[in-house]
Amino acid sequence: MHPPPFPAAIDADPPIPFIDEEIGSAAHEKHMPSVRAVAVDPDRGLVLLNLVGADASVSAVIMELLRSKSNGVGFMPTLFARQPTNIPTQLSIQPGIRYSTFRSALATPGGSLNQKNWCLLIATANIAESRRRAPLIPPQLLPPPPLPATAEVAPAAPTNQPPATPPPHYVVGTASAMTPDSHALLGHLRAIGVVVADAWAEAVLDLAINAQLVTSIPAAGVKCWRVDGDLIKWVDLVRHAIQQQRFSIPVLTPLPQQRAA
């Protein structure tokens, strides 16, 4: 039998909304829960949506978004919100993209637990979810297969289908953040298949922003950055940075050999 989990794991605080301020409302039929954070990739649709409201309203909006033939839900920004207003008025997700949901109850001043806090998050913004799957290595980065010792092998027929474009990843930060967290970026890079040292985090972030491999996307209540998922581009970036000595690489010195007694 496994030992029981630590009490700290049981008594962990439940998730809370990203911000206290309402930035708008999500609308589906008669349901209009409060939006506390939202991020949208113009090319791939919804990245993150944090809703607060009655359980029935929040659930209805989330389920509509996840429905296979959904047309999305409306977004109405609050007139006096201090957050950016570059969010589209229709929120939707593309078919085939995976999402995770996180939810918890919120206690009101009167002690009621009817208010729910839900977050819908695209799978490639979740480092833990991304690291569960082995990275997809493009054929250009794989060694050639060994040739058999005897019979000749006919060359493989070229395929007319281009390789699938690897999906981007996303780094989510607080609304006041100016740049993504460099170590969060490393977590996503390792999920993509990039091998970099922890000490290179800040240098990799600066190079990636300059090369536009990390770009900001429309968001309110949070900041969100899109991370290019093309492993070949990242390998080229790291290779050139090493050649230009942009990273500090420790020199290994051999240990002195001890004379046998």
Protein backbone atom coordinates (compact mmCIF):
# COMPACT_ATOMS: atom_id res chain seq x y z
CA MET A 1 0.00 0.00 0.00
CA HIS A 2 1.09 3.54 -0.63
CA PRO A 3 1.52 5.86 2.37
CA PRO A 4 -1.15 8.56 2.75
CA PRO A 5 -0.39 11.91 1.13
CA PHE A 6 1.08 14.70 3.19
CA PRO A 7 -1.47 16.94 4.96
CA ALA A 8 -0.18 19.93 3.01
CA ALA A 9 -1.33 18.26 -0.22
CA ILE A 10 -4.81 17.73 1.24
CA ASP A 11 -5.19 21.19 2.75
CA ALA A 12 -3.93 23.08 -0.31
CA ASP A 13 -5.80 26.29 -1.02
CA PRO A 14 -8.27 26.04 -3.92
CA PRO A 15 -7.59 28.03 -7.10
CA ILE A 16 -8.78 31.63 -7.07
CA PRO A 17 -9.59 33.91 -10.03
CA PHE A 18 -6.67 35.53 -11.80
CA ILE A 19 -7.84 39.01 -10.82
CA ASP A 20 -10.59 40.48 -8.62
CA GLU A 21 -11.71 42.93 -11.32
CA GLU A 22 -14.35 41.87 -13.83
CA ILE A 23 -13.14 42.49 -17.38
CA GLY A 24 -16.34 41.45 -19.12
CA SER A 25 -19.00 38.79 -19.48
CA ALA A 26 -19.25 35.62 -21.53
CA ALA A 27 -22.69 35.22 -23.07
CA HIS A 28 -24.47 32.01 -24.05
CA GLU A 29 -28.27 32.03 -24.18
CA LYS A 30 -29.39 33.47 -20.81
CA HIS A 31 -26.08 32.75 -19.06
CA MET A 32 -23.58 35.59 -18.53
CA PRO A 33 -20.84 34.62 -16.06
CA SER A 34 -18.11 37.09 -15.18
CA VAL A 35 -14.85 36.92 -17.13
CA ARG A 36 -11.73 37.44 -14.99
CA ALA A 37 -9.10 36.51 -17.58
CA VAL A 38 -9.01 35.66 -21.26
CA ALA A 39 -6.31 35.08 -23.87
CA VAL A 40 -6.86 34.50 -27.59
CA ASP A 41 -4.48 33.36 -30.31
CA PRO A 42 -5.70 34.97 -33.57
CA ASP A 43 -4.63 31.84 -35.47
CA ARG A 44 -5.89 29.11 -33.12
CA GLY A 45 -8.70 30.61 -31.07
CA LEU A 46 -9.18 30.58 -27.32
CA VAL A 47 -6.11 29.90 -25.16
CA LEU A 48 -7.40 30.68 -21.67
CA LEU A 49 -10.77 31.65 -20.19
CA ASN A 50 -11.35 32.23 -16.46
CA LEU A 51 -15.02 32.50 -15.45
CA VAL A 52 -16.71 33.24 -12.13
CA GLY A 53 -20.43 32.88 -11.50
CA ALA A 54 -23.25 30.55 -10.62
CA ASP A 55 -22.43 26.91 -11.30
CA ALA A 56 -25.15 26.57 -13.96
CA SER A 57 -24.01 29.67 -15.87
CA VAL A 58 -20.31 28.88 -15.80
CA SER A 59 -20.90 25.25 -16.77
CA ALA A 60 -23.18 26.21 -19.65
CA VAL A 61 -20.58 28.52 -21.19
CA ILE A 62 -17.70 26.04 -20.80
CA MET A 63 -19.72 23.13 -22.18
CA GLU A 64 -20.85 25.19 -25.16
CA LEU A 65 -17.25 26.03 -26.01
CA LEU A 66 -16.23 22.37 -25.77
CA ARG A 67 -19.19 21.14 -27.85
CA SER A 68 -17.99 19.65 -31.15
CA LYS A 69 -20.21 21.83 -33.39
CA SER A 70 -20.18 24.96 -31.25
CA ASN A 71 -20.22 28.42 -32.80
CA GLY A 72 -18.55 29.83 -29.69
CA VAL A 73 -19.82 32.26 -27.09
CA GLY A 74 -20.03 36.02 -27.01
CA PHE A 75 -17.69 38.30 -25.08
CA MET A 76 -18.82 41.69 -23.85
CA PRO A 77 -16.08 43.80 -22.23
CA THR A 78 -16.91 45.88 -19.19
CA LEU A 79 -17.12 49.56 -20.06
CA PHE A 80 -14.95 50.70 -17.16
CA ALA A 81 -12.47 47.82 -17.13
CA ARG A 82 -8.82 48.83 -16.97
CA GLN A 83 -7.74 45.85 -19.06
CA PRO A 84 -7.01 45.99 -22.84
CA THR A 85 -10.01 45.74 -25.16
CA ASN A 86 -8.34 43.87 -28.04
CA ILE A 87 -10.29 40.69 -27.33
CA PRO A 88 -12.69 39.57 -30.10
CA THR A 89 -16.41 39.69 -29.33
CA GLN A 90 -16.81 36.00 -30.24
CA LEU A 91 -14.78 33.38 -28.38
CA SER A 92 -14.35 29.97 -29.98
CA ILE A 93 -12.02 27.01 -30.16
CA GLN A 94 -10.91 25.06 -33.21
CA PRO A 95 -11.83 21.38 -33.60
CA GLY A 96 -9.18 18.90 -32.54
CA ILE A 97 -7.45 21.13 -29.99
CA ARG A 98 -7.28 19.69 -26.49
CA TYR A 99 -8.14 21.68 -23.34
CA SER A 100 -7.94 21.20 -19.60
CA THR A 101 -10.48 22.55 -17.10
CA PHE A 102 -9.79 23.63 -13.53
CA ARG A 103 -12.60 24.48 -11.15
CA SER A 104 -13.26 25.25 -7.53
CA ALA A 105 -15.97 26.73 -5.31
CA LEU A 106 -15.73 30.31 -4.08
CA ALA A 107 -17.10 31.29 -0.68
CA THR A 108 -19.15 34.50 -0.70
CA PRO A 109 -19.19 36.94 2.26
CA GLY A 110 -22.42 35.28 3.38
CA GLY A 111 -20.78 31.84 3.43
CA SER A 112 -22.46 30.48 0.30
CA LEU A 113 -20.51 28.18 -2.04
CA ASN A 114 -22.78 28.67 -5.05
CA GLN A 115 -20.15 30.77 -6.85
CA LYS A 116 -17.80 28.72 -9.03
CA ASN A 117 -14.37 29.54 -10.40
CA TRP A 118 -13.59 27.78 -13.70
CA CYS A 119 -10.56 28.05 -15.97
CA LEU A 120 -10.45 26.61 -19.46
CA LEU A 121 -6.83 26.21 -20.61
CA ILE A 122 -5.41 24.98 -23.90
CA ALA A 123 -3.30 21.84 -23.37
CA THR A 124 -0.09 23.37 -24.73
CA ALA A 125 -0.23 26.12 -22.09
CA ASN A 126 -0.15 23.46 -19.38
CA ILE A 127 3.48 22.41 -18.82
CA ALA A 128 2.53 19.35 -16.79
CA GLU A 129 0.17 18.17 -19.52
CA SER A 130 2.71 18.83 -22.27
CA ARG A 131 5.55 17.00 -20.50
CA ARG A 132 3.50 13.81 -20.32
CA ARG A 133 3.95 13.31 -24.06
CA ALA A 134 7.17 12.64 -25.89
CA PRO A 135 8.20 15.50 -28.20
CA LEU A 136 7.76 15.06 -31.93
CA ILE A 137 11.22 15.02 -33.53
CA PRO A 138 11.19 16.11 -37.20
CA PRO A 139 12.86 13.72 -39.66
CA GLN A 140 15.54 16.35 -40.44
CA LEU A 141 16.88 16.02 -36.88
CA LEU A 142 16.85 12.21 -36.74
CA PRO A 143 19.88 10.10 -37.70
CA PRO A 144 19.48 8.06 -40.90
CA PRO A 145 18.28 4.50 -40.33
CA PRO A 146 20.98 1.83 -40.60
CA LEU A 147 21.20 0.07 -43.95
CA PRO A 148 20.80 -3.72 -44.02
CA ALA A 149 23.98 -5.69 -44.57
CA THR A 150 22.66 -7.59 -47.59
CA ALA A 151 19.66 -6.98 -49.83
CA GLU A 152 19.43 -3.63 -51.54
CA VAL A 153 16.70 -1.33 -50.35
CA ALA A 154 14.71 0.74 -52.80
CA PRO A 155 14.66 4.45 -51.93
CA ALA A 156 11.50 5.61 -50.24
CA ALA A 157 9.02 7.29 -52.53
CA PRO A 158 8.71 11.01 -51.83
CA THR A 159 5.48 12.01 -50.21
CA ASN A 160 3.42 14.89 -51.49
CA GLN A 161 2.02 15.73 -48.06
CA PRO A 162 3.95 18.42 -46.18
CA PRO A 163 4.78 17.63 -42.56
CA ALA A 164 2.21 18.76 -40.03
CA THR A 165 2.93 22.13 -38.45
CA PRO A 166 3.81 21.60 -34.77
CA PRO A 167 1.36 23.38 -32.45
CA PRO A 168 2.55 26.44 -30.53
CA HIS A 169 2.88 26.49 -26.76
CA TYR A 170 1.82 29.35 -24.49
CA VAL A 171 3.30 30.98 -21.40
CA VAL A 172 0.77 32.68 -19.11
CA GLY A 173 1.85 35.45 -16.74
CA THR A 174 0.27 38.00 -14.45
CA ALA A 175 -1.42 41.06 -15.92
CA SER A 176 1.52 43.24 -14.78
CA ALA A 177 4.25 41.03 -16.29
CA MET A 178 6.33 42.62 -19.04
CA THR A 179 8.01 39.44 -20.29
CA PRO A 180 7.29 35.72 -19.82
CA ASP A 181 8.94 33.86 -16.97
CA SER A 182 12.20 32.49 -18.36
CA HIS A 183 12.02 29.21 -16.44
CA ALA A 184 8.41 28.65 -17.51
CA LEU A 185 9.66 29.08 -21.07
CA LEU A 186 12.31 26.41 -20.44
CA GLY A 187 9.59 24.02 -19.29
CA HIS A 188 7.73 24.48 -22.55
CA LEU A 189 10.93 24.19 -24.60
CA ARG A 190 11.69 20.85 -22.98
CA ALA A 191 8.19 19.69 -23.87
CA ILE A 192 8.92 20.72 -27.48
CA GLY A 193 12.23 18.81 -27.38
CA VAL A 194 14.76 21.63 -26.94
CA VAL A 195 17.74 20.77 -24.73
CA VAL A 196 19.00 23.82 -22.83
CA ALA A 197 20.64 24.36 -19.45
CA ASP A 198 18.82 26.07 -16.60
CA ALA A 199 21.54 28.74 -16.45
CA TRP A 200 20.70 29.78 -20.03
CA ALA A 201 17.08 30.69 -19.25
CA GLU A 202 17.40 34.48 -19.43
CA ALA A 203 19.66 34.41 -22.50
CA VAL A 204 17.33 32.03 -24.33
CA LEU A 205 14.35 34.26 -23.54
CA ASP A 206 16.08 37.38 -24.89
CA LEU A 207 17.17 35.59 -28.07
CA ALA A 208 13.72 34.08 -28.60
CA ILE A 209 11.97 37.44 -28.26
CA ASN A 210 14.40 39.06 -30.71
CA ALA A 211 13.88 36.19 -33.17
CA GLN A 212 10.08 36.42 -32.70
CA LEU A 213 9.88 32.81 -31.60
CA VAL A 214 8.09 34.18 -28.51
CA THR A 215 5.38 36.77 -29.23
CA SER A 216 2.58 38.28 -27.18
CA ILE A 217 -1.06 37.56 -28.04
CA PRO A 218 -4.27 39.46 -27.12
CA ALA A 219 -5.12 38.93 -23.45
CA ALA A 220 -6.89 40.63 -20.54
CA GLY A 221 -6.58 39.79 -16.85
CA VAL A 222 -3.34 37.99 -17.70
CA LYS A 223 -0.44 38.34 -20.11
CA CYS A 224 0.10 35.53 -22.59
CA TRP A 225 2.89 34.74 -25.01
CA ARG A 226 2.89 32.34 -27.94
CA VAL A 227 5.91 30.02 -28.16
CA ASP A 228 6.71 28.73 -31.65
CA GLY A 229 6.49 24.92 -31.62
CA ASP A 230 8.93 24.35 -34.51
CA LEU A 231 11.80 22.36 -33.00
CA ILE A 232 14.06 23.03 -36.01
CA LYS A 233 13.88 26.80 -35.43
CA TRP A 234 14.79 26.36 -31.76
CA VAL A 235 17.69 24.03 -32.55
CA ASP A 236 19.07 26.61 -35.01
CA LEU A 237 18.65 29.38 -32.42
CA VAL A 238 20.53 27.44 -29.72
CA ARG A 239 23.24 26.27 -32.15
CA HIS A 240 23.96 29.80 -33.37
CA ALA A 241 23.96 31.13 -29.81
CA ILE A 242 26.53 28.52 -28.78
CA GLN A 243 28.68 29.34 -31.81
CA GLN A 244 28.51 33.05 -30.89
CA GLN A 245 29.34 32.24 -27.25
CA ARG A 246 26.09 33.72 -25.97
CA PHE A 247 25.84 31.04 -23.28
CA SER A 248 28.20 30.43 -20.40
CA ILE A 249 29.45 26.87 -20.78
CA PRO A 250 31.42 25.54 -17.77
CA VAL A 251 34.80 23.99 -18.47
CA LEU A 252 35.15 20.54 -16.97
CA THR A 253 38.52 19.98 -15.29
CA PRO A 254 39.64 16.42 -14.63
CA LEU A 255 40.00 15.42 -11.01
CA PRO A 256 43.56 14.73 -9.86
CA GLN A 257 44.32 11.05 -9.76
CA GLN A 258 45.17 9.62 -6.37
CA ARG A 259 48.14 7.33 -6.04
CA ALA A 260 47.27 3.87 -4.85
CA ALA A 261 48.42 3.15 -1.32
